[in-house]
Protein backbone atom coordinates (compact mmCIF):
# COMPACT_ATOMS: atom_id res chain seq x y z
CA MET A 1 23.54 -19.08 11.57
CA ARG A 2 23.71 -20.19 8.24
CA SER A 3 21.69 -22.42 8.35
CA LEU A 4 19.44 -20.42 10.38
CA ILE A 5 19.39 -17.39 7.79
CA LEU A 6 18.47 -20.50 4.97
CA THR A 7 15.51 -20.97 6.90
CA VAL A 8 13.76 -17.73 7.21
CA LEU A 9 14.35 -17.33 3.72
CA ALA A 10 12.89 -20.63 2.84
CA VAL A 11 9.36 -19.86 5.81
CA CYS A 12 9.01 -16.32 3.20
CA VAL A 13 9.08 -17.97 -0.39
CA VAL A 14 7.17 -20.93 1.45
CA SER A 15 4.65 -18.07 1.91
CA LEU A 16 4.98 -15.82 -0.38
CA GLY A 17 4.11 -19.59 -2.71
CA SER A 18 1.12 -20.19 -0.14
CA VAL A 19 -0.36 -17.12 -1.05
CA GLY A 20 0.23 -16.84 -4.83
CA PHE A 21 -1.89 -20.02 -4.86
CA ALA A 22 -4.36 -19.40 -2.03
CA SER A 23 -5.16 -15.71 -5.09
CA VAL A 24 -5.52 -18.73 -7.44
CA ALA A 25 -7.80 -20.33 -5.68
CA GLN A 26 -9.70 -17.77 -5.07
CA ALA A 27 -9.64 -16.93 -8.60
CA SER A 28 -11.09 -19.67 -9.86
CA ASP A 29 -13.85 -19.75 -7.30
CA ALA A 30 -14.48 -16.64 -9.38
CA ASP A 31 -17.43 -15.61 -12.00
CA GLN A 32 -15.95 -15.82 -15.39
CA VAL A 33 -17.08 -12.55 -17.01
CA VAL A 34 -17.14 -12.26 -21.29
CA ILE A 35 -17.48 -8.52 -21.58
CA VAL A 36 -18.21 -8.19 -25.69
CA ASP A 37 -18.17 -5.31 -28.35
CA PHE A 38 -20.59 -3.36 -27.12
CA ASP A 39 -22.71 -1.53 -30.33
CA THR A 40 -22.14 1.93 -30.98
CA THR A 41 -22.66 4.58 -33.44
CA ASP A 42 -20.45 7.65 -34.14
CA VAL A 43 -18.44 6.97 -31.16
CA ASP A 44 -14.79 7.70 -31.04
CA GLY A 45 -12.37 4.30 -31.10
CA PRO A 46 -10.36 6.27 -27.81
CA ILE A 47 -13.63 7.07 -25.99
CA MET A 48 -14.17 2.85 -26.34
CA ASP A 49 -10.65 2.20 -25.18
CA ASP A 50 -11.15 3.90 -21.79
CA LEU A 51 -14.81 2.86 -21.08
CA TYR A 52 -13.59 -0.88 -21.47
CA GLY A 53 -10.35 -0.20 -19.30
CA HIS A 54 -12.44 1.18 -16.85
CA LEU A 55 -15.03 -2.67 -17.25
CA ARG A 56 -12.20 -4.83 -16.97
CA ARG A 57 -10.23 -2.56 -13.68
CA TYR A 58 -13.85 -2.80 -11.72
CA VAL A 59 -14.56 -6.32 -12.30
CA SER A 60 -11.34 -7.86 -11.79
CA ASP A 61 -11.41 -5.75 -9.14
CA ASP A 62 -15.06 -7.73 -8.00
CA ALA A 63 -13.87 -10.36 -5.45
CA SER A 64 -16.56 -12.19 -7.29
CA MET A 65 -15.69 -11.50 -10.94
CA GLN A 66 -12.98 -11.55 -12.92
CA VAL A 67 -12.57 -11.40 -16.76
CA SER A 68 -12.89 -14.23 -19.45
CA GLU A 69 -12.66 -12.80 -22.59
CA THR A 70 -12.76 -9.45 -23.95
CA GLY A 71 -13.80 -8.89 -27.09
CA ASP A 72 -13.38 -9.99 -31.16
CA ILE A 73 -17.15 -11.04 -30.96
CA SER A 74 -20.31 -8.38 -30.33
CA MET A 75 -23.64 -8.86 -29.26
CA SER A 76 -25.37 -8.70 -32.99
CA ASP A 77 -23.09 -11.53 -33.51
CA LEU A 78 -24.02 -13.86 -30.41
CA VAL A 79 -28.33 -12.72 -31.47
CA LEU A 80 -27.42 -14.05 -34.86
CA MET A 81 -26.37 -17.18 -34.36
CA ALA A 82 -28.66 -17.68 -31.97
CA GLY A 83 -31.86 -16.63 -33.82
CA CYS A 84 -33.73 -15.34 -30.84
CA ASP A 85 -34.78 -11.91 -29.54
CA PRO A 86 -32.69 -10.46 -26.89
CA SER A 87 -34.97 -8.79 -25.11
CA GLU A 88 -35.48 -12.20 -23.27
CA PRO A 89 -33.94 -13.50 -20.79
CA ALA A 90 -34.59 -17.27 -22.37
CA CYS A 91 -32.66 -16.00 -25.55
CA LEU A 92 -29.81 -14.33 -23.49
CA ALA A 93 -29.22 -18.36 -21.55
CA MET A 94 -28.58 -19.61 -24.76
CA LEU A 95 -26.31 -17.32 -25.64
CA GLY A 96 -24.04 -19.12 -23.28
CA ASP A 97 -23.59 -22.27 -24.70
CA PHE A 98 -21.70 -19.46 -27.48
CA VAL A 99 -19.32 -18.43 -25.05
CA ASP A 100 -17.17 -19.89 -22.03
CA GLY A 101 -17.51 -17.85 -18.79
CA ASP A 102 -20.86 -17.81 -16.06
CA ARG A 103 -21.42 -14.19 -17.06
CA LEU A 104 -22.23 -11.63 -20.26
CA LEU A 105 -21.36 -8.57 -20.39
CA PHE A 106 -22.65 -6.53 -22.81
CA GLY A 107 -24.52 -3.10 -24.33
CA SER A 108 -24.43 0.01 -26.49
CA VAL A 109 -22.72 3.77 -26.77
CA GLU A 110 -24.66 6.47 -29.50
CA GLN A 111 -23.25 9.46 -30.24
CA ARG A 112 -25.37 12.65 -31.12
CA ASP A 113 -24.86 16.32 -31.33
CA GLY A 114 -22.10 15.88 -28.82
CA THR A 115 -23.18 13.82 -25.97
CA LEU A 116 -22.50 10.12 -25.04
CA THR A 117 -25.58 7.03 -24.69
CA ILE A 118 -24.24 5.12 -22.77
CA SER A 119 -26.89 1.54 -21.98
CA MET A 120 -25.31 -1.74 -20.19
CA THR A 121 -26.25 -4.76 -18.74
CA LEU A 122 -24.64 -8.15 -17.03
CA PHE A 123 -26.17 -11.54 -17.24
CA ASP A 124 -25.85 -14.19 -15.62
CA PHE A 125 -25.74 -17.91 -17.02
CA GLU A 126 -26.15 -19.78 -13.98
CA ASP A 127 -29.05 -17.78 -12.37
CA VAL A 128 -30.69 -16.48 -15.98
CA ARG A 129 -31.12 -13.08 -14.71
CA VAL A 130 -29.80 -9.35 -15.30
CA SER A 131 -27.79 -8.56 -12.42
CA ARG A 132 -26.80 -5.82 -13.51
CA GLU A 133 -27.74 -2.59 -15.68
CA ILE A 134 -28.05 1.13 -16.70
CA SER A 135 -30.19 2.70 -19.50
CA GLU A 136 -28.99 5.55 -21.16
CA GLN A 137 -26.64 7.64 -18.98
CA THR A 138 -25.96 10.35 -20.91
CA VAL A 139 -22.57 12.17 -20.91
CA ARG A 140 -21.69 15.77 -22.51
CA LEU A 141 -18.85 15.64 -24.50
CA GLY A 142 -16.06 18.52 -24.56
CA THR A 143 -15.95 19.09 -21.14
CA ASN A 144 -13.41 19.19 -18.74
CA TRP A 145 -14.44 16.77 -16.60
CA PHE A 146 -15.94 14.08 -19.52
CA GLY A 147 -12.70 11.63 -18.13
CA GLU A 148 -14.22 11.29 -14.89
CA ALA A 149 -18.07 11.19 -15.96
CA LEU A 150 -17.41 7.97 -17.81
CA GLU A 151 -15.90 6.63 -15.03
CA GLY A 152 -18.42 7.47 -12.89
CA VAL A 153 -20.96 6.01 -15.31
CA VAL A 154 -19.25 2.70 -14.98
CA GLU A 155 -19.12 2.84 -10.62
CA HIS A 156 -23.32 3.40 -11.34
CA PHE A 157 -22.91 -0.43 -13.03
CA MET A 158 -21.09 -1.53 -10.99
CA PHE A 159 -21.90 -0.24 -7.35
CA GLY A 160 -25.53 1.83 -8.17
CA LYS A 161 -26.71 4.87 -6.74
CA THR A 162 -23.50 5.78 -4.17
CA ALA A 163 -23.43 9.56 -4.64
CA SER A 164 -24.78 12.23 -2.69
CA LEU A 165 -25.33 15.98 -3.83
CA THR A 166 -26.50 19.08 -1.55
CA VAL A 167 -28.33 21.39 -3.69
CA THR A 168 -28.10 24.91 -2.12
CA LEU A 169 -30.68 27.59 -3.87
CA SER A 170 -29.55 31.09 -2.73
CA ASP A 171 -31.82 33.57 -4.32
CA GLU A 172 -34.98 31.03 -5.22
CA PRO A 173 -36.00 29.45 -1.59
CA GLU A 174 -39.52 28.43 -3.72
CA ALA A 175 -37.39 27.02 -7.25
CA ARG A 176 -38.32 23.55 -8.03
CA LEU A 177 -35.40 21.38 -8.74
CA ARG A 178 -35.06 18.11 -11.15
CA VAL A 179 -31.96 15.90 -11.05
CA ASN A 180 -31.57 14.23 -14.44
CA GLY A 181 -34.99 14.71 -15.71
CA GLU A 182 -36.43 13.97 -12.13
CA SER A 183 -38.27 16.06 -10.40
CA VAL A 184 -37.63 16.05 -6.82
CA GLY A 185 -38.93 18.81 -4.53
CA THR A 186 -38.90 22.20 -3.52
CA GLY A 187 -36.09 24.58 -1.90
CA SER A 188 -33.10 24.04 -1.00
CA MET A 189 -31.75 20.16 -0.13
CA THR A 190 -29.73 16.62 0.19
CA LEU A 191 -29.47 14.08 -2.04
CA ASP A 192 -29.04 10.56 -1.23
CA GLU A 193 -28.92 7.73 -3.81
CA VAL A 194 -27.94 9.79 -7.27
CA ALA A 195 -25.87 7.61 -9.57
CA PRO A 196 -22.55 8.73 -10.54
CA GLY A 197 -21.68 9.36 -13.64
CA GLU A 198 -22.84 13.26 -15.59
CA VAL A 199 -25.50 14.82 -13.25
CA VAL A 200 -27.40 17.73 -14.56
CA VAL A 201 -29.54 20.09 -12.03
CA MET A 202 -32.17 21.86 -12.72
CA ALA A 203 -33.58 25.06 -10.83
CA MET A 204 -36.98 26.71 -11.81
CA ALA A 205 -37.83 29.68 -10.14
CA PRO A 206 -42.11 30.56 -9.13
CA ASP A 207 -41.29 33.22 -12.56
CA GLY A 208 -40.69 30.49 -14.94
CA SER A 209 -36.72 31.16 -15.08
CA GLU A 210 -34.33 28.08 -15.58
CA GLN A 211 -30.89 27.76 -13.58
CA THR A 212 -28.93 24.32 -14.79
CA ARG A 213 -25.66 23.27 -13.75
CA ARG A 214 -23.52 20.02 -15.16
CA LEU A 215 -21.33 18.07 -12.74
CA ALA A 216 -19.28 14.81 -13.07
CA LEU A 217 -20.03 12.73 -9.30
CA ARG A 218 -17.21 9.65 -8.69
CA HIS A 219 -18.60 6.44 -6.43
CA GLN A 220 -19.89 7.37 -2.89
CA GLN A 221 -18.85 10.88 -3.13
CA GLU A 222 -20.55 14.10 -1.24
CA GLU A 223 -20.91 16.55 -3.47
CA GLU A 224 -22.55 20.19 -3.14
CA VAL A 225 -24.00 22.80 -5.60
CA GLU A 226 -25.03 26.21 -5.25
CA ILE A 227 -27.76 27.79 -7.58
CA SER A 228 -27.63 31.24 -8.16
CA PHE A 229 -30.99 33.15 -10.33
CA ASP A 230 -28.51 36.13 -10.62
CA GLU A 231 -28.56 37.54 -13.96
CA SER A 232 -24.94 38.19 -14.53
CA VAL A 233 -24.09 34.03 -13.58
CA ASP A 234 -24.08 32.13 -16.63
CA SER A 235 -27.54 29.59 -16.88
CA ASP A 236 -25.16 26.91 -17.66
CA ILE A 237 -21.66 25.81 -16.11
CA ASP A 238 -19.67 23.23 -15.92
CA ALA A 239 -18.75 22.37 -12.70
CA PRO A 240 -14.48 22.02 -12.19
CA PRO A 241 -12.81 19.04 -12.24
CA VAL A 242 -13.80 16.45 -9.77
CA ALA A 243 -11.93 13.83 -7.97
CA HIS A 244 -12.50 10.87 -6.24
CA PRO A 245 -12.19 10.96 -2.40
CA GLY A 246 -9.80 10.12 -1.30
CA GLU A 247 -8.66 8.36 -4.59
CA SER A 248 -4.71 8.51 -5.66
CA GLY A 249 -5.10 5.17 -8.13
CA PRO A 250 -3.77 1.48 -6.47
CA SER A 251 -0.81 1.53 -4.13
CA LEU A 252 2.50 0.90 -5.71
CA VAL A 253 3.21 -0.38 -2.51
CA PRO A 254 2.44 -4.30 -2.98
CA GLY A 255 3.83 -4.79 -5.85
CA ILE A 256 7.14 -2.97 -4.29
CA ALA A 257 6.90 -5.00 -1.84
CA VAL A 258 6.49 -8.50 -3.49
CA SER A 259 9.01 -7.88 -6.41
CA GLY A 260 11.44 -6.86 -3.50
CA VAL A 261 10.53 -10.58 -2.09
CA GLY A 262 11.01 -12.20 -6.08
CA VAL A 263 14.63 -10.21 -5.72
CA ALA A 264 15.97 -11.61 -2.51
CA SER A 265 14.69 -15.01 -3.40
CA LEU A 266 16.52 -14.97 -7.15
CA ILE A 267 19.72 -14.04 -4.42
CA PHE A 268 19.14 -16.54 -1.77
CA GLY A 269 18.76 -19.26 -4.85
CA PHE A 270 22.10 -18.07 -6.35
CA VAL A 271 24.08 -18.02 -2.07
CA ALA A 272 22.48 -21.58 -1.98
CA ASN A 273 23.79 -22.43 -5.17
CA SER A 274 27.29 -21.03 -4.72
CA SER A 275 27.23 -23.17 -1.41
CA LEU A 276 26.63 -26.18 -3.20
CA SER A 277 29.30 -25.46 -5.85
CA SER A 278 31.34 -25.16 -2.68
CA THR A 279 30.17 -28.51 -1.19
CA GLU A 280 30.60 -30.38 -4.55
CA ASP A 281 34.65 -29.46 -5.05
CA ASP A 282 34.74 -30.65 -1.27
CA ALA A 283 32.89 -34.05 -2.22
CA ASN A 284 35.35 -34.33 -5.49
CA ASP A 285 38.82 -33.91 -3.57
CA LEU A 286 36.92 -36.70 -1.17
CA VAL A 287 36.18 -39.21 -4.06
CA THR A 288 39.57 -38.77 -5.32
CA GLN A 289 41.79 -38.78 -2.06
CA GLY A 290 39.94 -42.30 -1.29
CA LEU A 291 38.18 -42.92 1.61
CA GLN A 292 40.43 -43.98 4.67
CA ASP A 293 38.69 -44.48 7.41
CA SER A 294 35.18 -43.76 8.99
CA SER A 295 35.76 -40.54 9.61
CA ASP A 296 35.83 -40.16 5.94
CA ALA A 297 33.02 -42.08 5.27
CA ALA A 298 31.31 -39.62 8.69
CA ARG A 299 32.34 -36.82 6.27
CA ALA A 300 30.87 -37.92 2.82
CA GLY A 301 27.49 -38.86 4.38
CA GLU A 302 27.65 -34.94 5.53
CA LEU A 303 28.55 -33.24 2.41
CA GLN A 304 25.93 -35.39 0.76
CA SER A 305 22.88 -34.06 2.96
CA ASP A 306 24.28 -30.55 2.42
CA MET A 307 24.27 -31.02 -0.78
CA ASP A 308 20.80 -32.16 -0.36
CA ARG A 309 20.09 -29.63 1.36
CA ALA A 310 21.72 -26.31 -0.84
CA ASN A 311 19.72 -28.29 -3.66
CA THR A 312 16.51 -27.85 -2.36
CA MET A 313 17.12 -24.25 -1.12
CA ARG A 314 18.61 -23.34 -4.30
CA PHE A 315 15.29 -24.58 -6.37
CA ILE A 316 13.10 -22.81 -3.43
CA GLY A 317 15.01 -19.65 -3.90
CA TRP A 318 14.91 -19.39 -7.21
CA SER A 319 11.04 -20.47 -8.05
CA GLY A 320 10.29 -17.69 -5.73
CA GLY A 321 12.27 -15.41 -7.24
CA VAL A 322 10.45 -16.49 -10.84
CA VAL A 323 7.03 -16.48 -8.63
CA GLY A 324 7.82 -13.14 -6.60
CA LEU A 325 9.38 -11.05 -10.58
CA GLY A 326 5.93 -11.73 -12.00
CA ALA A 327 2.99 -11.68 -9.72
CA GLY A 328 5.52 -7.60 -8.55
CA GLY A 329 5.35 -7.12 -11.69
CA PHE A 330 2.01 -7.64 -12.36
CA LEU A 331 0.70 -5.66 -9.41
CA LEU A 332 3.04 -2.89 -10.60
CA VAL A 333 1.33 -2.91 -13.78
CA ARG A 334 -1.74 -3.25 -12.81
CA ALA A 335 -1.41 -0.16 -10.12
CA LEU A 336 -0.04 1.87 -12.95
CA MET A 337 -2.35 1.75 -15.31
CA ALA A 338 -5.33 2.01 -13.24
CA GLN A 339 -4.40 5.47 -11.77
CA PRO A 340 -7.37 8.00 -12.07
CA SER A 341 -8.17 9.23 -15.82
CA SER A 342 -6.97 13.30 -15.73
CA ALA A 343 -9.81 16.31 -16.48
CA GLY A 344 -10.07 17.22 -19.58
CA SER A 345 -12.31 17.28 -23.16
CA ALA A 346 -12.78 14.62 -25.13
CA SER A 347 -11.50 15.38 -28.23
CA ALA A 348 -7.53 16.50 -26.30
CA THR A 349 -7.18 14.00 -23.84
CA LEU A 350 -8.88 10.76 -25.58
CA SER A 351 -7.33 11.35 -29.04
CA ASP A 352 -3.96 12.10 -27.72
CA GLU A 353 -3.99 9.04 -24.75
CA ARG A 354 -1.80 6.57 -24.75
CA THR A 355 -2.80 3.52 -22.94
CA LEU A 356 -1.91 0.02 -22.15
CA ASP A 357 -3.87 -2.46 -21.28
CA PHE A 358 -3.10 -5.81 -18.94
CA ASP A 359 -5.49 -8.83 -18.78
CA VAL A 360 -5.15 -12.65 -16.65
CA GLY A 361 -8.31 -13.98 -16.97
CA ALA A 362 -9.03 -17.57 -15.46
CA THR A 363 -11.46 -19.79 -18.23
CA SER A 364 -12.69 -23.34 -17.83
CA ASP A 365 -9.65 -24.81 -19.71
CA GLY A 366 -6.53 -22.27 -18.44
CA VAL A 367 -5.45 -19.35 -17.62
CA ASN A 368 -5.23 -16.64 -20.34
CA ALA A 369 -3.90 -13.21 -20.57
CA GLY A 370 -3.18 -10.22 -22.62
CA ILE A 371 -1.58 -6.97 -23.49
CA ARG A 372 -2.79 -3.90 -25.36
CA PHE A 373 -0.77 -0.74 -26.16
CA ASP A 374 -2.87 1.45 -28.04
CA PHE A 375 -1.30 4.88 -29.09
């Protein structure tokens, strides 16, 4: 019975190790993305920390990419070293000589008149092309959904125009509509392929009067907005906070499950160690009294076999425990840090937010990891 239990536990530990090794192999095949410091103008540090955190999380969640390095150098520094025009793909390709990665993620953020203007570019060194890019996406500061809109901009960058919006004109069916400054037609309508982030909807009635609605959209969200030209309604109302459909953040269950396997493996290792100690004591007693006949010799062989087996099980248990607890801890930290940001004003929420960033990435030289706590 004891042998059966040990065998089952060994299979569990080996399976966990196989999954871990497969994950490492998959990570090594992913493109390494270097995120350099963005060019910023009058932007508060907590806002940039929040933006970088979203970028690292979404890039790492993409199976084809893995964050290799972040910060420590800006795009301006790289261009200065290369001595070329960053608007040219050939110049961006040259920057690969100065960074350890397959892709380069850079951008700019400017704060002016209470509004952030964000641009981001992801350049692929191997294909010598821009694989993702957004330009001059705006997010107004001080709204109760600033955090949602900022994360939505990152989702726009990573996934494209994936949201949809239904606009209902309750009392001016002939009003013309503009979404984020672009004319989209006349009357109530449903718009697909809307960019996540801050969305500004403006309706202009035939008599020239206007109504504006601002709201935040997220990846694959479907939202409805009703616009009335009633004079009692404010012409520029911030929508209430919106939540990502069905999103409650990454589950803690995988981390807890893997940590549980790690604890079970450690217990298994200690049981095997206890068995090894007991068998060693029996072997020492046998050696002390001497081998009297062939039965003692056979007994000595059995004890040696038991010790070898217990030693192997001890190694498997302790190794699996270390791997399980390490992997489970990483999954738990990542899930906790990736919970959706709460809505609130930028000045209140971001300035007071304490953040913990945990990065693990593979490079051509091995694996790097880092933890940063801002408060």
